[in-house]
Amino acid sequence: MSEPVTVAEHPELECHRLELRFAATRLAPRRALAALERSLAEAGQLRPLIAVPAPEPATPTRFVLIDGYRRLAALRRLERDTARVEVWECGIGPALVALLAHTHTRPFEPLEQALLVQALARESGLSQHALARALGRDVSWVSRRLALLSALSEPLLAALMAGTLSTWAAVRVLVPLARANPAHAEALLAALREAPLSTRELARWLAHYQGASAAVRARLVAEPALFVKADQAAQDQQQAQVLARGPEGAWAADCARAERLLGALRERLAPLAASALAPELREAFARLARAFTRLTHDLERCLGHDPDPHPRAGLPAGRAGHAATRDQPPAAPLAQHPAPPPAPRPATHAGTGAPR
């Protein structure tokens, strides 16, 4: 696999001379293809395709396309018959190794990497350890990529290749759902083909599905887009209510939530009261009590019931000072606070000392 790669660029090569042997290893998302088509129409082909000579001696003028499947698809949509091609004078196996080890155009998706590793294993017959050494990766990386393919069913893989499903959606949502409920996974995949959801929308759908009853789950997998629409409408309405209530309404809502949480704590206290509370539970409650005390003190101060507008709660005992001297000015700058003049003494009768 250490065969050197010699590059020879063909300025223009007829597209029909390219053999698309590895087309099944590339994802074809519609948006990416549309954007690439617009770019090629405006600026032309900026990067060449990558190909190697076909190994069959009967077809010396044909080439196996290694990289550039999206660009070739976009060129064909623009009805172009030729393309700029960079020909690597090496075998297919070394070309795939070079492509995986050093991405020439764009970073591959994990699924594309998995498909390329699988294709390389078929072409070369190498073990996972040998593949890892050739690619400059560890064996776990190769193993994870191949395990990704084994977890995907044929319908899921077809949806991924068509670009109607993201790798995240397949691995995080459809594969676990297929293990738990194959019928629901199949129904969800069919619905996503008709109305695809973004990653964020599908994450919200999954969170709701996990906490739903059996009857609700059946409706969720049948019409996931309807759920997303209703969920967004509920969020918009909630946001509008928050704006309408203002800070007063937000305060009241937070108080109501805190009251419900305190009620839940009281309910959970009964089973804990059978034995002494663990020290960490007592400390957790102590922190909660201190937080409530601080909130009560701040509320009284805001309402004008606290005579001391500058609370010193929380200061160490040695720094609090005596209450009688707490509000007096500091004693250091004596020059700014001269002593008051002595009071005048009353006049007296001579010799008697009595006041006049």
Protein backbone atom coordinates (compact mmCIF):
# COMPACT_ATOMS: atom_id res chain seq x y z
CA MET A 1 0.00 0.00 0.00
CA SER A 2 3.02 2.29 0.04
CA GLU A 3 3.04 2.58 -3.74
CA PRO A 4 4.08 6.11 -4.81
CA VAL A 5 1.48 8.30 -6.47
CA THR A 6 2.39 10.04 -9.73
CA VAL A 7 0.04 12.82 -10.82
CA ALA A 8 -0.79 13.69 -14.41
CA GLU A 9 -3.56 16.19 -15.09
CA HIS A 10 -5.81 15.94 -18.13
CA PRO A 11 -7.13 19.42 -18.99
CA GLU A 12 -10.38 17.96 -20.33
CA LEU A 13 -11.56 14.37 -20.21
CA GLU A 14 -14.81 13.00 -21.57
CA CYS A 15 -17.11 12.11 -18.68
CA HIS A 16 -18.16 8.82 -20.27
CA ARG A 17 -14.59 7.55 -19.86
CA LEU A 18 -14.92 7.67 -16.07
CA GLU A 19 -15.96 4.49 -14.27
CA LEU A 20 -18.07 5.31 -11.20
CA ARG A 21 -17.01 2.29 -9.16
CA PHE A 22 -17.24 4.04 -5.79
CA ALA A 23 -20.40 6.09 -6.31
CA ALA A 24 -22.07 4.14 -3.49
CA THR A 25 -19.51 5.50 -1.00
CA ARG A 26 -20.61 9.12 -1.36
CA LEU A 27 -23.57 10.95 0.12
CA ALA A 28 -25.57 13.11 -2.24
CA PRO A 29 -27.51 15.72 -0.23
CA ARG A 30 -29.78 17.75 -2.47
CA ARG A 31 -28.85 21.14 -1.03
CA ALA A 32 -25.13 20.52 -1.40
CA LEU A 33 -25.59 19.39 -5.00
CA ALA A 34 -27.72 22.44 -5.81
CA ALA A 35 -25.13 24.78 -4.28
CA LEU A 36 -22.31 23.06 -6.16
CA GLU A 37 -24.27 23.29 -9.40
CA ARG A 38 -24.72 27.04 -8.94
CA SER A 39 -21.02 27.46 -8.19
CA LEU A 40 -19.97 25.51 -11.28
CA ALA A 41 -22.39 27.48 -13.45
CA GLU A 42 -21.01 30.81 -12.21
CA ALA A 43 -17.29 30.15 -11.74
CA GLY A 44 -16.61 26.97 -13.67
CA GLN A 45 -14.77 23.90 -12.38
CA LEU A 46 -12.09 25.12 -9.98
CA ARG A 47 -10.85 21.74 -8.72
CA PRO A 48 -10.16 18.70 -10.86
CA LEU A 49 -11.64 15.28 -10.30
CA ILE A 50 -9.29 12.52 -9.15
CA ALA A 51 -9.07 9.22 -11.05
CA VAL A 52 -6.73 6.30 -11.64
CA PRO A 53 -6.29 4.24 -14.80
CA ALA A 54 -8.71 1.34 -15.00
CA PRO A 55 -6.93 -1.91 -14.09
CA GLU A 56 -8.44 -3.90 -16.95
CA PRO A 57 -5.97 -4.04 -19.87
CA ALA A 58 -8.82 -4.19 -22.36
CA THR A 59 -9.89 -0.65 -21.52
CA PRO A 60 -6.70 1.45 -21.41
CA THR A 61 -8.56 4.67 -22.12
CA ARG A 62 -10.93 4.38 -19.15
CA PHE A 63 -10.37 5.66 -15.64
CA VAL A 64 -11.82 4.81 -12.22
CA LEU A 65 -13.12 7.90 -10.46
CA ILE A 66 -11.69 8.13 -6.93
CA ASP A 67 -12.90 11.55 -5.79
CA GLY A 68 -15.21 14.22 -7.20
CA TYR A 69 -18.50 12.35 -7.49
CA ARG A 70 -20.56 15.37 -6.41
CA ARG A 71 -18.78 17.64 -8.89
CA LEU A 72 -19.33 15.13 -11.67
CA ALA A 73 -23.04 14.88 -10.82
CA ALA A 74 -23.33 18.67 -10.84
CA LEU A 75 -21.49 18.88 -14.19
CA ARG A 76 -23.88 16.36 -15.70
CA ARG A 77 -26.87 18.32 -14.40
CA LEU A 78 -25.38 21.29 -16.26
CA GLU A 79 -25.14 19.05 -19.38
CA ARG A 80 -21.34 19.24 -19.48
CA ASP A 81 -19.67 16.41 -21.41
CA THR A 82 -16.09 16.94 -20.21
CA ALA A 83 -14.35 17.60 -16.91
CA ARG A 84 -10.91 18.47 -15.62
CA VAL A 85 -9.39 15.30 -14.18
CA GLU A 86 -6.22 14.71 -12.16
CA VAL A 87 -4.98 11.19 -12.92
CA TRP A 88 -2.98 9.36 -10.27
CA GLU A 89 -0.65 6.79 -11.80
CA CYS A 90 -1.13 4.12 -9.13
CA GLY A 91 -3.44 1.30 -8.18
CA ILE A 92 -6.92 1.70 -6.74
CA GLY A 93 -5.90 0.60 -3.24
CA PRO A 94 -3.07 3.16 -2.81
CA ALA A 95 -5.36 5.85 -4.23
CA LEU A 96 -8.04 5.10 -1.65
CA VAL A 97 -5.42 5.11 1.12
CA ALA A 98 -4.14 8.51 -0.04
CA LEU A 99 -7.68 9.85 -0.26
CA LEU A 100 -8.60 8.73 3.26
CA ALA A 101 -5.29 9.78 4.80
CA HIS A 102 -5.27 13.25 3.20
CA THR A 103 -8.61 14.74 2.21
CA HIS A 104 -8.08 16.75 -0.97
CA THR A 105 -11.39 18.54 -1.29
CA ARG A 106 -13.78 18.34 1.65
CA PRO A 107 -13.89 16.42 4.94
CA PHE A 108 -15.79 13.18 4.55
CA GLU A 109 -18.79 12.32 6.67
CA PRO A 110 -18.27 9.41 9.10
CA LEU A 111 -20.56 7.27 6.96
CA GLU A 112 -18.53 8.08 3.82
CA GLN A 113 -15.35 7.20 5.69
CA ALA A 114 -16.94 3.90 6.73
CA LEU A 115 -17.95 3.08 3.16
CA LEU A 116 -14.48 3.96 1.83
CA VAL A 117 -12.79 1.82 4.49
CA GLN A 118 -15.10 -1.05 3.56
CA ALA A 119 -14.28 -0.58 -0.14
CA LEU A 120 -10.57 -0.44 0.63
CA ALA A 121 -10.82 -3.65 2.65
CA ARG A 122 -12.48 -5.36 -0.31
CA GLU A 123 -9.92 -4.03 -2.83
CA SER A 124 -6.85 -4.84 -0.74
CA GLY A 125 -7.92 -7.73 1.47
CA LEU A 126 -6.14 -6.12 4.43
CA SER A 127 -7.08 -6.75 8.06
CA GLN A 128 -8.28 -3.97 10.35
CA HIS A 129 -4.81 -3.68 11.90
CA ALA A 130 -3.18 -3.39 8.47
CA LEU A 131 -5.79 -0.85 7.35
CA ALA A 132 -5.14 1.22 10.47
CA ARG A 133 -1.40 1.24 9.81
CA ALA A 134 -1.88 2.19 6.16
CA LEU A 135 -4.25 5.05 7.03
CA GLY A 136 -2.21 6.33 9.97
CA ARG A 137 -5.14 5.67 12.32
CA ASP A 138 -5.62 3.46 15.36
CA VAL A 139 -7.50 0.19 15.12
CA SER A 140 -10.45 1.53 17.15
CA TRP A 141 -11.10 4.20 14.48
CA VAL A 142 -11.32 1.54 11.76
CA SER A 143 -13.46 -0.68 13.98
CA ARG A 144 -15.90 2.13 14.80
CA ARG A 145 -16.34 3.02 11.14
CA LEU A 146 -17.09 -0.57 10.14
CA ALA A 147 -19.41 -1.01 13.14
CA LEU A 148 -21.40 1.99 11.93
CA LEU A 149 -22.22 0.17 8.71
CA SER A 150 -23.25 -3.01 10.49
CA ALA A 151 -25.80 -1.06 12.56
CA LEU A 152 -27.57 0.38 9.50
CA SER A 153 -30.30 -1.46 7.66
CA GLU A 154 -30.60 -1.24 3.89
CA PRO A 155 -33.52 1.26 3.96
CA LEU A 156 -31.60 3.49 6.38
CA LEU A 157 -28.48 3.32 4.27
CA ALA A 158 -30.48 4.18 1.15
CA ALA A 159 -32.01 7.20 2.88
CA LEU A 160 -28.58 8.36 3.98
CA MET A 161 -27.14 8.00 0.50
CA ALA A 162 -30.07 9.94 -0.99
CA GLY A 163 -29.50 12.78 1.47
CA THR A 164 -32.99 12.58 3.01
CA LEU A 165 -31.52 11.58 6.37
CA SER A 166 -28.47 12.83 8.26
CA THR A 167 -25.90 10.55 9.89
CA TRP A 168 -26.85 11.97 13.30
CA ALA A 169 -30.52 11.13 12.72
CA ALA A 170 -29.67 7.60 11.65
CA VAL A 171 -27.24 6.83 14.48
CA ARG A 172 -28.95 8.67 17.34
CA VAL A 173 -32.63 8.18 16.47
CA LEU A 174 -33.43 5.57 13.81
CA VAL A 175 -30.93 2.86 14.83
CA PRO A 176 -31.92 2.83 18.56
CA LEU A 177 -35.59 3.05 17.59
CA ALA A 178 -35.20 0.10 15.20
CA ARG A 179 -33.76 -1.99 18.04
CA ALA A 180 -36.66 -1.09 20.37
CA ASN A 181 -39.54 -1.00 17.88
CA PRO A 182 -38.78 -1.91 14.22
CA ALA A 183 -42.29 -0.99 13.08
CA HIS A 184 -42.01 2.51 14.54
CA ALA A 185 -38.58 2.98 12.96
CA GLU A 186 -39.93 1.98 9.56
CA ALA A 187 -42.94 4.31 9.90
CA LEU A 188 -40.75 7.22 11.01
CA LEU A 189 -38.35 6.69 8.11
CA ALA A 190 -41.23 6.68 5.63
CA ALA A 191 -42.59 9.91 7.11
CA LEU A 192 -39.17 11.58 7.01
CA ARG A 193 -38.82 10.74 3.32
CA GLU A 194 -41.96 12.78 2.65
CA ALA A 195 -41.25 15.61 5.09
CA PRO A 196 -37.63 15.72 6.36
CA LEU A 197 -36.92 17.30 9.75
CA SER A 198 -33.84 19.21 10.85
CA THR A 199 -31.53 17.80 13.50
CA ARG A 200 -32.94 20.16 16.13
CA GLU A 201 -36.53 19.29 15.26
CA LEU A 202 -35.79 15.57 15.36
CA ALA A 203 -34.09 15.94 18.74
CA ARG A 204 -37.24 17.61 20.13
CA TRP A 205 -39.34 14.85 18.58
CA LEU A 206 -37.20 12.16 20.22
CA ALA A 207 -37.42 13.79 23.65
CA HIS A 208 -41.23 13.89 23.39
CA TYR A 209 -41.39 10.31 22.06
CA GLN A 210 -39.38 8.96 24.99
CA GLY A 211 -41.88 10.32 27.50
CA ALA A 212 -45.07 9.58 25.57
CA SER A 213 -47.59 6.79 26.00
CA ALA A 214 -48.00 3.97 23.48
CA ALA A 215 -50.98 5.63 21.77
CA VAL A 216 -49.20 8.98 21.47
CA ARG A 217 -46.05 7.31 20.16
CA ALA A 218 -47.99 5.75 17.31
CA ARG A 219 -49.21 9.20 16.24
CA LEU A 220 -45.72 10.68 16.62
CA VAL A 221 -44.07 8.22 14.25
CA ALA A 222 -46.92 8.52 11.74
CA GLU A 223 -46.82 12.34 11.54
CA PRO A 224 -43.58 13.73 13.01
CA ALA A 225 -43.87 16.95 11.01
CA LEU A 226 -47.31 17.63 12.51
CA PHE A 227 -45.88 17.26 16.01
CA VAL A 228 -43.02 19.68 15.22
CA LYS A 229 -45.50 22.22 13.86
CA ALA A 230 -47.76 21.93 16.93
CA ASP A 231 -44.77 22.05 19.29
CA GLN A 232 -43.46 25.20 17.64
CA ALA A 233 -46.89 26.82 17.85
CA ALA A 234 -47.06 26.00 21.58
CA GLN A 235 -43.60 27.50 22.13
CA ASP A 236 -44.57 30.65 20.23
CA GLN A 237 -47.73 31.00 22.32
CA GLN A 238 -45.79 30.50 25.54
CA GLN A 239 -43.26 33.11 24.51
CA ALA A 240 -46.06 35.54 23.68
CA GLN A 241 -47.58 34.97 27.12
CA VAL A 242 -44.24 35.62 28.78
CA LEU A 243 -43.87 38.90 26.89
CA ALA A 244 -47.42 39.91 27.77
CA ARG A 245 -47.01 39.17 31.49
CA GLY A 246 -43.73 41.05 31.78
CA PRO A 247 -41.38 40.65 34.75
CA GLU A 248 -44.30 40.51 37.19
CA GLY A 249 -45.78 37.53 35.40
CA ALA A 250 -42.40 35.84 35.17
CA TRP A 251 -41.93 36.32 38.93
CA ALA A 252 -45.34 34.79 39.67
CA ALA A 253 -44.65 31.85 37.32
CA ASP A 254 -41.27 31.19 38.94
CA CYS A 255 -42.88 31.30 42.38
CA ALA A 256 -45.48 28.77 41.22
CA ARG A 257 -42.76 26.47 39.91
CA ALA A 258 -40.80 26.79 43.15
CA GLU A 259 -43.96 25.96 45.11
CA ARG A 260 -44.48 22.82 43.05
CA LEU A 261 -40.84 21.81 43.61
CA LEU A 262 -41.20 22.29 47.36
CA GLY A 263 -44.32 20.15 47.28
CA ALA A 264 -42.40 17.42 45.46
CA LEU A 265 -39.64 17.61 48.09
CA ARG A 266 -42.20 17.15 50.85
CA GLU A 267 -43.63 14.06 49.13
CA ARG A 268 -40.19 12.52 48.72
CA LEU A 269 -39.33 13.19 52.35
CA ALA A 270 -41.62 10.45 53.72
CA PRO A 271 -39.59 7.45 52.49
CA LEU A 272 -36.38 9.18 53.60
CA ALA A 273 -37.67 9.87 57.12
CA ALA A 274 -37.64 6.18 58.01
CA SER A 275 -33.90 6.50 58.57
CA ALA A 276 -31.68 9.47 59.36
CA LEU A 277 -30.98 11.67 56.40
CA ALA A 278 -27.57 11.21 54.87
CA PRO A 279 -25.12 14.09 55.49
CA GLU A 280 -25.14 15.09 51.83
CA LEU A 281 -28.95 15.34 51.86
CA ARG A 282 -28.87 17.48 55.00
CA GLU A 283 -26.27 19.75 53.40
CA ALA A 284 -28.37 20.03 50.22
CA PHE A 285 -31.37 21.13 52.30
CA ALA A 286 -29.19 23.57 54.28
CA ARG A 287 -28.09 25.22 51.04
CA LEU A 288 -31.71 25.46 49.94
CA ALA A 289 -32.72 27.02 53.27
CA ARG A 290 -29.92 29.58 53.05
CA ALA A 291 -30.96 30.49 49.52
CA PHE A 292 -34.57 30.97 50.66
CA THR A 293 -33.40 33.13 53.58
CA ARG A 294 -31.39 35.35 51.22
CA LEU A 295 -34.39 35.65 48.90
CA THR A 296 -36.66 36.64 51.84
CA HIS A 297 -34.17 39.24 53.03
CA ASP A 298 -33.83 40.72 49.52
CA LEU A 299 -37.59 40.84 49.16
CA GLU A 300 -38.05 42.72 52.45
CA ARG A 301 -35.33 45.16 51.51
CA CYS A 302 -36.92 45.80 48.08
CA LEU A 303 -40.29 46.41 49.74
CA GLY A 304 -38.79 48.93 52.20
CA HIS A 305 -39.31 46.88 55.36
CA ASP A 306 -35.62 46.46 56.12
CA PRO A 307 -34.16 49.41 58.13
CA ASP A 308 -30.65 48.50 56.98
CA PRO A 309 -30.40 49.00 53.19
CA HIS A 310 -26.87 47.60 53.17
CA PRO A 311 -27.09 44.15 54.72
CA ARG A 312 -23.87 42.75 56.04
CA ALA A 313 -25.18 39.21 56.35
CA GLY A 314 -22.58 36.71 55.46
CA LEU A 315 -19.59 38.72 56.76
CA PRO A 316 -17.40 36.91 59.25
CA ALA A 317 -18.12 37.67 62.90
CA GLY A 318 -14.77 39.35 63.38
CA ARG A 319 -15.49 41.85 60.56
CA ALA A 320 -19.05 42.78 61.34
CA GLY A 321 -18.15 45.43 63.94
CA HIS A 322 -20.22 46.84 66.78
CA ALA A 323 -23.68 48.06 65.92
CA ALA A 324 -23.10 51.45 67.60
CA THR A 325 -19.98 52.24 65.56
CA ARG A 326 -20.92 50.60 62.29
CA ASP A 327 -22.15 53.77 60.54
CA GLN A 328 -19.49 56.17 61.89
CA PRO A 329 -16.88 57.61 59.50
CA PRO A 330 -13.44 56.03 59.51
CA ALA A 331 -10.92 57.41 62.01
CA ALA A 332 -7.90 57.51 59.70
CA PRO A 333 -8.33 60.88 57.86
CA LEU A 334 -8.22 63.08 61.01
CA ALA A 335 -7.21 66.22 59.13
CA GLN A 336 -10.55 66.18 57.30
CA HIS A 337 -12.50 66.10 60.60
CA PRO A 338 -11.01 68.83 62.94
CA ALA A 339 -12.06 68.85 66.58
CA PRO A 340 -14.88 71.31 67.42
CA PRO A 341 -13.87 74.55 69.28
CA PRO A 342 -14.33 74.57 73.11
CA ALA A 343 -17.62 75.94 74.41
CA PRO A 344 -17.38 79.49 75.97
CA ARG A 345 -17.28 79.62 79.78
CA PRO A 346 -19.92 81.86 81.48
CA ALA A 347 -18.72 85.13 83.10
CA THR A 348 -18.46 85.18 86.96
CA HIS A 349 -18.45 87.85 89.70
CA ALA A 350 -15.08 88.78 90.88
CA GLY A 351 -13.98 86.86 93.89
CA THR A 352 -17.16 84.83 94.26
CA GLY A 353 -16.98 82.57 91.26
CA ALA A 354 -20.73 82.74 90.92
CA PRO A 355 -22.22 83.47 87.52
CA ARG A 356 -23.33 86.98 86.86
